[in-house]
């Protein structure tokens, strides 16, 4: 006799397959298009690499973009949001560890020593040439809706608001509708723009080296 959970798994499978068939290719392509600017920055970052071992962070950012693409193709919005915030976390980390190879080796040996975002942000502010002022100037021209994109994504990740906390329901509820997936695609645009502003504020002294697309 088929168990109730087995029936739910079958329903989830059917929901994912239907979503993939109807919307998968379009959503995956949309994520790739919205992440294009970030991919350009990743290529530039690799050209500025001082700590080759820390390039694993850049690879992981690219991997997180792929995760967003795959998750939304299947309708898995909550998983996509986790990967969106990962892009921010790891790109911040790369900026710091690119200049601190010894510290990178240390955290690789003891992951409990991996700094939090606040540590990176203080480093950017203290050691980036006019970083806070440049970022503030760039933000005056932002197209993203959120003034605190990291904070918004963190609310989703940590479920610190009941509006975004997981709800009890059948497994098939994990597959979100295409309109909601498309809303999440817009967040990829905002992540790419936000990280572009951060990188521009950090690398402005190297203006002559920046790719034309940037």
Protein backbone atom coordinates (compact mmCIF):
# COMPACT_ATOMS: atom_id res chain seq x y z
CA UNK A 1 0.00 0.00 0.00
CA UNK A 2 1.33 3.44 -0.94
CA UNK A 3 2.04 5.64 2.09
CA UNK A 4 0.65 9.21 2.31
CA UNK A 5 4.19 10.61 2.16
CA UNK A 6 4.96 8.59 -0.96
CA UNK A 7 1.89 10.13 -2.58
CA UNK A 8 3.13 13.59 -1.63
CA UNK A 9 6.55 12.86 -3.12
CA UNK A 10 4.88 11.75 -6.33
CA UNK A 11 2.82 14.94 -6.35
CA UNK A 12 5.97 17.00 -5.81
CA UNK A 13 7.68 15.18 -8.67
CA UNK A 14 4.77 15.91 -10.96
CA UNK A 15 4.69 19.56 -9.89
CA UNK A 16 8.40 20.02 -10.56
CA UNK A 17 8.17 18.27 -13.93
CA UNK A 18 5.21 20.40 -14.97
CA UNK A 19 6.94 23.59 -13.88
CA UNK A 20 10.12 22.60 -15.72
CA UNK A 21 8.19 21.81 -18.84
CA UNK A 22 6.20 25.04 -18.88
CA UNK A 23 8.58 27.59 -17.40
CA UNK A 24 11.98 26.01 -16.71
CA UNK A 25 13.91 27.13 -19.78
CA UNK A 26 12.52 30.66 -19.69
CA UNK A 27 13.25 31.20 -16.01
CA UNK A 28 16.73 29.71 -16.26
CA UNK A 29 17.56 32.00 -19.18
CA UNK A 30 16.13 35.00 -17.35
CA UNK A 31 18.41 34.37 -14.38
CA UNK A 32 21.42 34.07 -16.68
CA UNK A 33 20.48 37.35 -18.39
CA UNK A 34 19.92 39.17 -15.08
CA UNK A 35 23.23 37.90 -13.70
CA UNK A 36 25.28 38.96 -16.74
CA UNK A 37 26.78 42.04 -15.08
CA UNK A 38 27.84 39.94 -12.11
CA UNK A 39 29.46 37.39 -14.41
CA UNK A 40 31.47 40.20 -16.02
CA UNK A 41 32.61 41.28 -12.57
CA UNK A 42 33.60 37.71 -11.74
CA UNK A 43 35.82 37.60 -14.79
CA UNK A 44 37.36 40.94 -13.82
CA UNK A 45 37.87 39.77 -10.23
CA UNK A 46 39.80 36.74 -11.45
CA UNK A 47 42.07 39.07 -13.40
CA UNK A 48 42.76 40.95 -10.16
CA UNK A 49 43.44 37.81 -8.15
CA UNK A 50 46.29 38.05 -5.65
CA UNK A 51 45.36 34.94 -3.66
CA UNK A 52 44.75 32.11 -6.12
CA UNK A 53 43.38 29.82 -3.43
CA UNK A 54 40.66 32.36 -2.60
CA UNK A 55 39.42 32.20 -6.19
CA UNK A 56 37.36 29.28 -4.91
CA UNK A 57 35.07 31.98 -3.51
CA UNK A 58 34.52 33.39 -6.99
CA UNK A 59 33.80 29.91 -8.32
CA UNK A 60 31.28 29.50 -5.53
CA UNK A 61 29.55 32.78 -6.44
CA UNK A 62 29.20 31.52 -10.01
CA UNK A 63 27.92 28.23 -8.61
CA UNK A 64 25.32 30.12 -6.57
CA UNK A 65 24.07 31.83 -9.74
CA UNK A 66 23.65 28.41 -11.33
CA UNK A 67 21.78 27.27 -8.21
CA UNK A 68 19.33 30.17 -8.55
CA UNK A 69 18.78 29.29 -12.18
CA UNK A 70 18.15 25.62 -11.44
CA UNK A 71 15.99 26.25 -8.37
CA UNK A 72 13.68 28.67 -10.14
CA UNK A 73 13.46 26.39 -13.17
CA UNK A 74 11.96 23.84 -10.76
CA UNK A 75 9.86 26.44 -8.93
CA UNK A 76 11.86 26.26 -5.69
CA UNK A 77 11.83 29.91 -4.66
CA UNK A 78 13.03 29.51 -1.08
CA UNK A 79 16.11 27.59 -2.23
CA UNK A 80 16.81 30.30 -4.81
CA UNK A 81 16.73 33.01 -2.13
CA UNK A 82 19.36 31.16 -0.08
CA UNK A 83 21.63 31.11 -3.14
CA UNK A 84 21.03 34.80 -3.82
CA UNK A 85 22.28 35.75 -0.39
CA UNK A 86 25.21 33.37 -0.79
CA UNK A 87 26.34 35.45 -3.77
CA UNK A 88 26.59 38.50 -1.53
CA UNK A 89 28.31 36.70 1.33
CA UNK A 90 30.99 35.10 -0.80
CA UNK A 91 31.76 38.12 -2.97
CA UNK A 92 32.28 40.25 0.16
CA UNK A 93 34.57 37.53 1.47
CA UNK A 94 36.59 37.43 -1.75
CA UNK A 95 37.30 41.18 -1.66
CA UNK A 96 38.84 40.75 1.79
CA UNK A 97 40.62 37.43 1.38
CA UNK A 98 42.08 38.44 -1.98
CA UNK A 99 44.31 40.76 0.06
CA UNK A 100 44.75 38.38 3.00
CA UNK A 101 46.07 35.02 1.84
CA UNK A 102 47.34 34.02 5.30
CA UNK A 103 43.92 34.62 6.84
CA UNK A 104 42.32 32.61 4.04
CA UNK A 105 44.56 29.64 4.82
CA UNK A 106 43.61 29.99 8.48
CA UNK A 107 39.85 29.90 7.91
CA UNK A 108 40.25 26.97 5.53
CA UNK A 109 41.73 25.09 8.45
CA UNK A 110 39.10 26.25 10.93
CA UNK A 111 35.81 27.31 9.36
CA UNK A 112 34.59 28.61 12.73
CA UNK A 113 36.97 31.54 12.17
CA UNK A 114 35.19 32.68 9.00
CA UNK A 115 34.30 36.36 9.54
CA UNK A 116 30.77 37.72 9.50
CA UNK A 117 29.52 40.35 7.07
CA UNK A 118 30.00 43.15 9.62
CA UNK A 119 33.73 42.38 9.74
CA UNK A 120 34.06 42.65 5.95
CA UNK A 121 32.00 45.82 5.84
CA UNK A 122 34.20 47.50 8.46
CA UNK A 123 37.26 46.49 6.46
CA UNK A 124 35.81 48.02 3.28
CA UNK A 125 35.00 51.23 5.12
CA UNK A 126 38.37 51.48 6.88
CA UNK A 127 40.66 50.47 4.04
CA UNK A 128 38.75 51.15 0.82
CA UNK A 129 39.81 54.46 -0.71
CA UNK A 130 36.69 56.61 -0.12
CA UNK A 131 34.62 53.41 -0.25
CA UNK A 132 31.65 54.64 1.85
CA UNK A 133 31.36 57.92 -0.07
CA UNK A 134 31.68 56.23 -3.45
CA UNK A 135 29.08 53.60 -2.57
CA UNK A 136 26.69 56.26 -1.32
CA UNK A 137 27.12 58.15 -4.59
CA UNK A 138 26.45 55.04 -6.66
CA UNK A 139 23.35 54.22 -4.62
CA UNK A 140 21.79 57.52 -5.67
CA UNK A 141 21.43 56.01 -9.15
CA UNK A 142 20.33 52.51 -8.09
CA UNK A 143 17.40 50.86 -9.83
CA UNK A 144 16.88 48.22 -7.11
CA UNK A 145 13.91 48.80 -4.84
CA UNK A 146 15.50 47.81 -1.56
CA UNK A 147 17.76 50.10 0.45
CA UNK A 148 19.05 47.06 2.36
CA UNK A 149 19.09 44.12 -0.02
CA UNK A 150 21.26 42.01 2.28
CA UNK A 151 18.83 42.59 5.12
CA UNK A 152 15.82 41.64 3.01
CA UNK A 153 17.42 38.39 1.88
CA UNK A 154 18.53 37.65 5.44
CA UNK A 155 14.94 37.95 6.68
CA UNK A 156 13.99 35.23 4.20
CA UNK A 157 16.97 33.04 5.02
CA UNK A 158 16.53 33.25 8.78
CA UNK A 159 12.69 33.40 8.67
CA UNK A 160 12.74 36.29 11.15
CA UNK A 161 9.35 37.44 9.91
CA UNK A 162 6.24 35.26 9.94
CA UNK A 163 5.48 36.67 6.49
CA UNK A 164 8.36 34.62 5.07
CA UNK A 165 8.51 31.69 7.50
CA UNK A 166 7.92 28.20 6.07
CA UNK A 167 4.28 27.19 6.13
CA UNK A 168 2.89 23.74 6.87
CA UNK A 169 1.49 22.03 3.81
CA UNK A 170 2.00 19.24 1.29
CA UNK A 171 5.36 18.77 -0.39
CA UNK A 172 3.92 20.03 -3.66
CA UNK A 173 3.64 23.50 -2.07
CA UNK A 174 7.40 23.78 -2.45
CA UNK A 175 6.80 24.48 -6.15
CA UNK A 176 5.89 28.15 -6.48
CA UNK A 177 3.91 29.72 -9.31
CA UNK A 178 5.65 31.23 -12.32
CA UNK A 179 4.78 34.84 -11.30
CA UNK A 180 6.42 34.35 -7.91
CA UNK A 181 9.46 32.79 -9.55
CA UNK A 182 9.67 35.79 -11.86
CA UNK A 183 9.64 38.08 -8.82
CA UNK A 184 12.63 36.14 -7.54
CA UNK A 185 14.37 36.58 -10.89
CA UNK A 186 14.17 40.33 -10.27
CA UNK A 187 16.11 39.80 -7.06
CA UNK A 188 18.97 38.38 -9.13
CA UNK A 189 19.04 41.68 -11.00
CA UNK A 190 19.20 43.55 -7.70
CA UNK A 191 21.97 41.33 -6.34
CA UNK A 192 24.02 41.86 -9.50
CA UNK A 193 23.53 45.64 -9.35
CA UNK A 194 24.31 45.81 -5.64
CA UNK A 195 27.51 43.80 -5.98
CA UNK A 196 28.46 45.88 -9.01
CA UNK A 197 28.16 49.03 -6.88
CA UNK A 198 30.28 47.47 -4.12
CA UNK A 199 32.95 46.37 -6.58
CA UNK A 200 32.93 49.73 -8.36
CA UNK A 201 33.36 51.54 -5.06
CA UNK A 202 36.26 49.22 -4.16
CA UNK A 203 38.03 49.22 -7.52
CA UNK A 204 37.38 52.82 -8.64
CA UNK A 205 41.08 53.61 -8.56
CA UNK A 206 41.52 51.03 -11.32
CA UNK A 207 38.95 52.72 -13.55
CA UNK A 208 41.16 52.41 -16.63
CA UNK A 209 41.25 48.60 -16.21
CA UNK A 210 37.49 48.05 -15.97
CA UNK A 211 35.79 46.19 -18.85
CA UNK A 212 33.67 48.35 -21.18
CA UNK A 213 30.51 46.54 -20.09
CA UNK A 214 31.09 47.67 -16.53
